[in-house]
Protein backbone atom coordinates (compact mmCIF):
# COMPACT_ATOMS: atom_id res chain seq x y z
CA MET A 1 -160.73 60.84 -79.36
CA SER A 2 -159.37 57.58 -80.28
CA ALA A 3 -161.27 56.26 -83.26
CA ASP A 4 -160.88 52.62 -82.16
CA ALA A 5 -162.21 53.17 -78.66
CA PRO A 6 -164.36 55.80 -78.31
CA GLY A 7 -165.95 55.95 -74.97
CA ARG A 8 -164.62 52.46 -73.89
CA PHE A 9 -162.26 53.56 -71.29
CA ALA A 10 -161.80 56.42 -68.84
CA CYS A 11 -159.07 58.57 -67.33
CA ILE A 12 -158.37 59.83 -63.89
CA VAL A 13 -156.24 62.67 -63.24
CA PRO A 14 -155.33 63.11 -59.79
CA CYS A 15 -154.65 67.03 -59.15
CA TYR A 16 -152.86 69.05 -56.31
CA ASN A 17 -151.80 72.47 -57.16
CA ALA A 18 -150.75 71.58 -60.78
CA GLY A 19 -150.60 75.34 -61.88
CA ALA A 20 -151.40 75.94 -65.57
CA ARG A 21 -150.16 72.56 -66.49
CA VAL A 22 -153.49 70.57 -65.59
CA ALA A 23 -155.49 72.29 -68.26
CA PRO A 24 -153.65 71.08 -71.36
CA VAL A 25 -153.29 67.52 -70.14
CA VAL A 26 -157.02 67.51 -69.39
CA ALA A 27 -157.48 69.18 -73.41
CA ALA A 28 -155.23 66.40 -74.59
CA ALA A 29 -157.06 63.53 -72.68
CA LEU A 30 -160.25 64.33 -73.90
CA GLN A 31 -158.72 63.73 -77.37
CA GLU A 32 -158.57 60.57 -76.64
CA THR A 33 -161.76 59.93 -74.41
CA ASP A 34 -165.01 61.99 -73.41
CA LYS A 35 -164.37 60.42 -69.99
CA VAL A 36 -162.02 62.25 -67.97
CA ILE A 37 -162.41 62.59 -64.21
CA VAL A 38 -159.97 64.88 -62.64
CA VAL A 39 -160.21 64.79 -58.91
CA ASP A 40 -159.06 67.88 -56.90
CA ASP A 41 -156.91 66.63 -53.88
CA GLY A 42 -157.56 69.78 -51.80
CA CYS A 43 -155.93 72.31 -54.32
CA THR A 44 -155.36 75.68 -53.06
CA ASP A 45 -153.77 77.48 -56.02
CA GLY A 46 -156.64 78.04 -58.50
CA CYS A 47 -155.40 75.42 -61.00
CA LEU A 48 -158.70 73.96 -61.74
CA ASP A 49 -160.40 76.85 -62.63
CA ALA A 50 -159.50 76.78 -66.33
CA LEU A 51 -161.66 73.69 -66.45
CA ASN A 52 -164.91 75.36 -65.74
CA ASP A 53 -166.05 75.10 -69.16
CA SER A 54 -164.27 71.58 -69.91
CA ARG A 55 -166.24 68.64 -70.24
CA ALA A 56 -164.11 66.69 -67.68
CA ARG A 57 -165.81 65.81 -64.59
CA VAL A 58 -164.18 67.48 -61.38
CA LEU A 59 -164.70 65.64 -57.91
CA ARG A 60 -163.43 67.42 -54.85
CA HIS A 61 -161.43 66.61 -51.58
CA GLU A 62 -162.01 69.42 -49.20
CA ARG A 63 -158.20 68.94 -47.73
CA ASN A 64 -155.15 67.53 -49.31
CA ARG A 65 -155.48 63.76 -48.72
CA GLY A 66 -152.59 62.41 -50.96
CA LYS A 67 -152.35 60.82 -54.20
CA GLY A 68 -153.59 57.40 -53.51
CA HIS A 69 -156.54 58.66 -52.04
CA ALA A 70 -157.45 60.67 -55.29
CA ILE A 71 -156.83 57.72 -57.35
CA LEU A 72 -159.32 55.57 -55.34
CA THR A 73 -161.97 58.42 -55.44
CA GLY A 74 -161.39 58.36 -59.07
CA LEU A 75 -161.85 54.75 -59.31
CA ARG A 76 -165.02 54.74 -57.74
CA GLU A 77 -166.26 57.40 -60.02
CA ALA A 78 -165.47 55.51 -63.07
CA LEU A 79 -166.58 52.27 -62.19
CA ALA A 80 -170.05 53.74 -61.73
CA ASP A 81 -169.99 54.01 -65.41
CA GLU A 82 -170.28 50.11 -66.84
CA THR A 83 -169.39 50.95 -70.22
CA SER A 84 -166.10 51.58 -69.38
CA GLU A 85 -163.93 48.76 -70.07
CA GLY A 86 -160.77 50.32 -68.84
CA ILE A 87 -159.46 53.12 -66.40
CA ALA A 88 -156.65 55.10 -67.14
CA LEU A 89 -154.35 56.73 -64.38
CA LEU A 90 -152.74 60.02 -65.60
CA ASP A 91 -150.62 62.89 -63.94
CA ALA A 92 -151.77 66.37 -64.04
CA ASP A 93 -147.99 67.95 -64.34
CA GLY A 94 -147.52 67.27 -67.73
CA GLN A 95 -145.12 64.29 -67.06
CA HIS A 96 -147.42 61.83 -69.15
CA ASP A 97 -148.50 62.21 -72.74
CA PRO A 98 -152.21 61.67 -73.10
CA ALA A 99 -151.58 61.10 -76.55
CA LEU A 100 -150.31 57.77 -75.59
CA LEU A 101 -153.82 56.58 -73.78
CA PRO A 102 -154.53 54.31 -77.09
CA ARG A 103 -151.31 52.32 -76.62
CA PHE A 104 -152.22 51.67 -73.25
CA TRP A 105 -155.74 50.89 -74.18
CA ASP A 106 -154.40 48.52 -77.03
CA ALA A 107 -151.87 46.71 -74.70
CA LEU A 108 -154.82 46.19 -72.02
CA GLN A 109 -156.94 44.35 -74.89
CA ALA A 110 -154.01 42.58 -76.71
CA GLU A 111 -152.39 40.85 -73.81
CA SER A 112 -155.89 40.59 -71.78
CA ALA A 113 -154.05 42.69 -69.09
CA ASP A 114 -155.36 43.71 -65.67
CA MET A 115 -153.19 46.50 -65.33
CA VAL A 116 -150.85 48.10 -68.01
CA ILE A 117 -147.79 49.95 -66.76
CA GLY A 118 -145.82 52.70 -68.38
CA ALA A 119 -141.85 51.57 -68.85
CA ARG A 120 -139.98 54.87 -69.00
CA VAL A 121 -137.01 55.04 -71.34
CA PHE A 122 -134.22 56.31 -69.07
CA ASP A 123 -131.82 57.06 -71.95
CA GLY A 124 -131.77 60.46 -71.92
CA GLY A 125 -128.79 62.81 -70.18
CA HIS A 126 -131.50 64.96 -68.86
CA VAL A 127 -132.62 62.12 -66.29
CA PRO A 128 -131.00 62.66 -63.15
CA TRP A 129 -128.91 59.31 -62.25
CA ARG A 130 -130.76 59.13 -58.70
CA SER A 131 -133.89 58.81 -60.69
CA ARG A 132 -132.72 55.99 -62.99
CA PHE A 133 -130.73 54.04 -60.08
CA GLY A 134 -133.84 54.40 -57.65
CA ASN A 135 -135.99 52.81 -60.37
CA ARG A 136 -133.42 50.12 -60.96
CA VAL A 137 -133.13 49.40 -57.06
CA THR A 138 -136.98 49.37 -56.49
CA ALA A 139 -137.17 47.18 -59.52
CA ARG A 140 -134.74 44.83 -58.12
CA VAL A 141 -136.19 44.58 -54.72
CA THR A 142 -139.70 44.12 -56.52
CA ARG A 143 -138.40 40.87 -58.49
CA LEU A 144 -136.59 39.74 -55.47
CA LEU A 145 -139.76 39.85 -53.07
CA LEU A 146 -142.59 39.07 -55.52
CA ARG A 147 -140.46 37.03 -58.21
CA ALA A 148 -142.11 39.58 -60.87
CA ASP A 149 -139.99 40.89 -63.58
CA LEU A 150 -141.22 44.72 -64.17
CA PRO A 151 -139.30 47.23 -66.14
CA ASP A 152 -140.67 50.05 -63.68
CA THR A 153 -142.61 49.87 -60.67
CA GLN A 154 -142.58 53.47 -60.16
CA CYS A 155 -144.26 54.78 -63.10
CA GLY A 156 -148.29 56.35 -62.28
CA TYR A 157 -149.10 56.13 -66.04
CA ARG A 158 -151.14 53.10 -65.86
CA MET A 159 -154.64 51.39 -67.11
CA LEU A 160 -156.77 49.10 -65.29
CA SER A 161 -159.10 46.55 -66.21
CA ARG A 162 -162.63 47.17 -64.44
CA ARG A 163 -162.28 43.73 -62.37
CA PHE A 164 -158.61 45.08 -61.44
CA ALA A 165 -160.26 48.31 -60.53
CA ARG A 166 -162.76 46.60 -58.31
CA GLU A 167 -159.95 44.94 -56.51
CA VAL A 168 -158.06 47.85 -55.75
CA VAL A 169 -161.08 49.71 -54.33
CA GLU A 170 -161.79 47.00 -52.37
CA HIS A 171 -158.51 46.04 -50.93
CA VAL A 172 -155.90 48.70 -51.45
CA ALA A 173 -155.44 51.36 -48.82
CA GLY A 174 -155.13 54.94 -49.78
CA GLY A 175 -151.96 56.92 -49.15
CA ARG A 176 -149.62 59.06 -51.34
CA TYR A 177 -147.55 57.41 -53.65
CA GLU A 178 -147.41 54.16 -52.06
CA THR A 179 -150.72 53.02 -53.10
CA GLU A 180 -149.25 52.54 -56.66
CA MET A 181 -146.74 50.14 -55.40
CA GLU A 182 -149.50 48.22 -53.27
CA MET A 183 -151.62 47.85 -56.48
CA ILE A 184 -148.72 46.02 -58.19
CA VAL A 185 -148.22 43.80 -54.96
CA ARG A 186 -151.81 43.14 -55.01
CA ALA A 187 -152.08 42.29 -58.73
CA ILE A 188 -149.25 40.08 -58.20
CA ARG A 189 -150.09 38.16 -55.27
CA LYS A 190 -153.77 37.56 -56.75
CA ASN A 191 -152.42 36.48 -60.08
CA PHE A 192 -153.94 39.66 -62.04
CA ARG A 193 -152.18 39.96 -65.21
CA LEU A 194 -149.83 42.53 -65.98
CA ALA A 195 -148.16 44.21 -68.88
CA SER A 196 -145.87 47.01 -69.89
CA VAL A 197 -145.73 49.61 -72.58
CA PRO A 198 -142.52 51.88 -73.27
CA ILE A 199 -143.28 55.53 -73.09
CA GLN A 200 -140.53 58.48 -72.93
CA THR A 201 -139.38 59.71 -69.89
CA VAL A 202 -140.30 63.50 -69.31
CA TYR A 203 -138.45 64.96 -66.53
CA GLU A 204 -138.07 68.61 -65.24
CA GLU A 205 -135.33 69.50 -62.60
CA GLY A 206 -137.25 71.49 -59.94
CA ASN A 207 -140.66 70.82 -61.15
CA LYS A 208 -142.82 72.52 -58.52
CA SER A 209 -145.97 70.83 -59.73
CA SER A 210 -144.29 67.45 -58.49
CA HIS A 211 -144.99 66.98 -54.76
CA PHE A 212 -142.97 63.71 -54.55
CA ASN A 213 -140.77 63.71 -51.33
CA LYS A 214 -137.45 61.63 -52.36
CA PHE A 215 -136.95 60.69 -48.71
CA GLY A 216 -140.29 60.69 -46.98
CA ASP A 217 -142.19 59.23 -50.29
CA SER A 218 -139.54 56.61 -50.77
CA VAL A 219 -139.61 55.13 -47.23
CA ARG A 220 -143.36 54.98 -47.61
CA ILE A 221 -143.21 52.94 -50.86
CA TYR A 222 -140.34 50.62 -49.64
CA ALA A 223 -142.60 50.20 -46.29
CA ARG A 224 -145.78 49.52 -47.87
CA LEU A 225 -143.61 47.48 -50.54
CA LEU A 226 -142.27 45.21 -47.64
CA ARG A 227 -145.47 45.07 -45.41
CA THR A 228 -147.70 43.88 -48.35
CA SER A 229 -145.45 41.46 -49.81
CA LEU A 230 -144.89 39.86 -46.72
CA GLY A 231 -148.60 39.22 -45.94
CA ARG A 232 -148.94 41.93 -43.15
């Protein structure tokens, strides 16, 4: 557990059919904080059976509703504990290293930030060109529409302040991955402070635990970006 911030931040792990990957992620997160909330977004593969003896708290959706809804469910639960000063969001499929949670916490404190976003380093040949290209395009569109220079707008590894977490719960709509984009738009429009920390890119071609639809979810992300940035 992080020696300088024991219990000062919570960690939310949205999960949908992550297979054997989720248990190691949760175990590693529990090394950094004793407040780990796993949101079962209608899992059907039994992946969370391995957490029966875990110290993590598991919340359940009866059916799959989408990552954005799972995030909101987790945020509401985390906010109920008034001792949590920060709330991290961490994917269940192993692409986010829980050992980096203290880095996010330190940035949240040092920069008086309301949301710290992981900035993936796309310097490895193992990362497909379409992923590198898509990230650059989205970052440039965000810069054009919102006048904000963020190195990575699509990374789901984040940490929120309590006051911004409340803002998200009250004003950001659920959905799939587009919810994460609306969080950024809301933060910029309402003058919340954003910061970034570099993280290594972990990419696996054909990762069956990733449920991102390259076409459908990309369309949803851009549609939410345009609609919310234009105030509609």
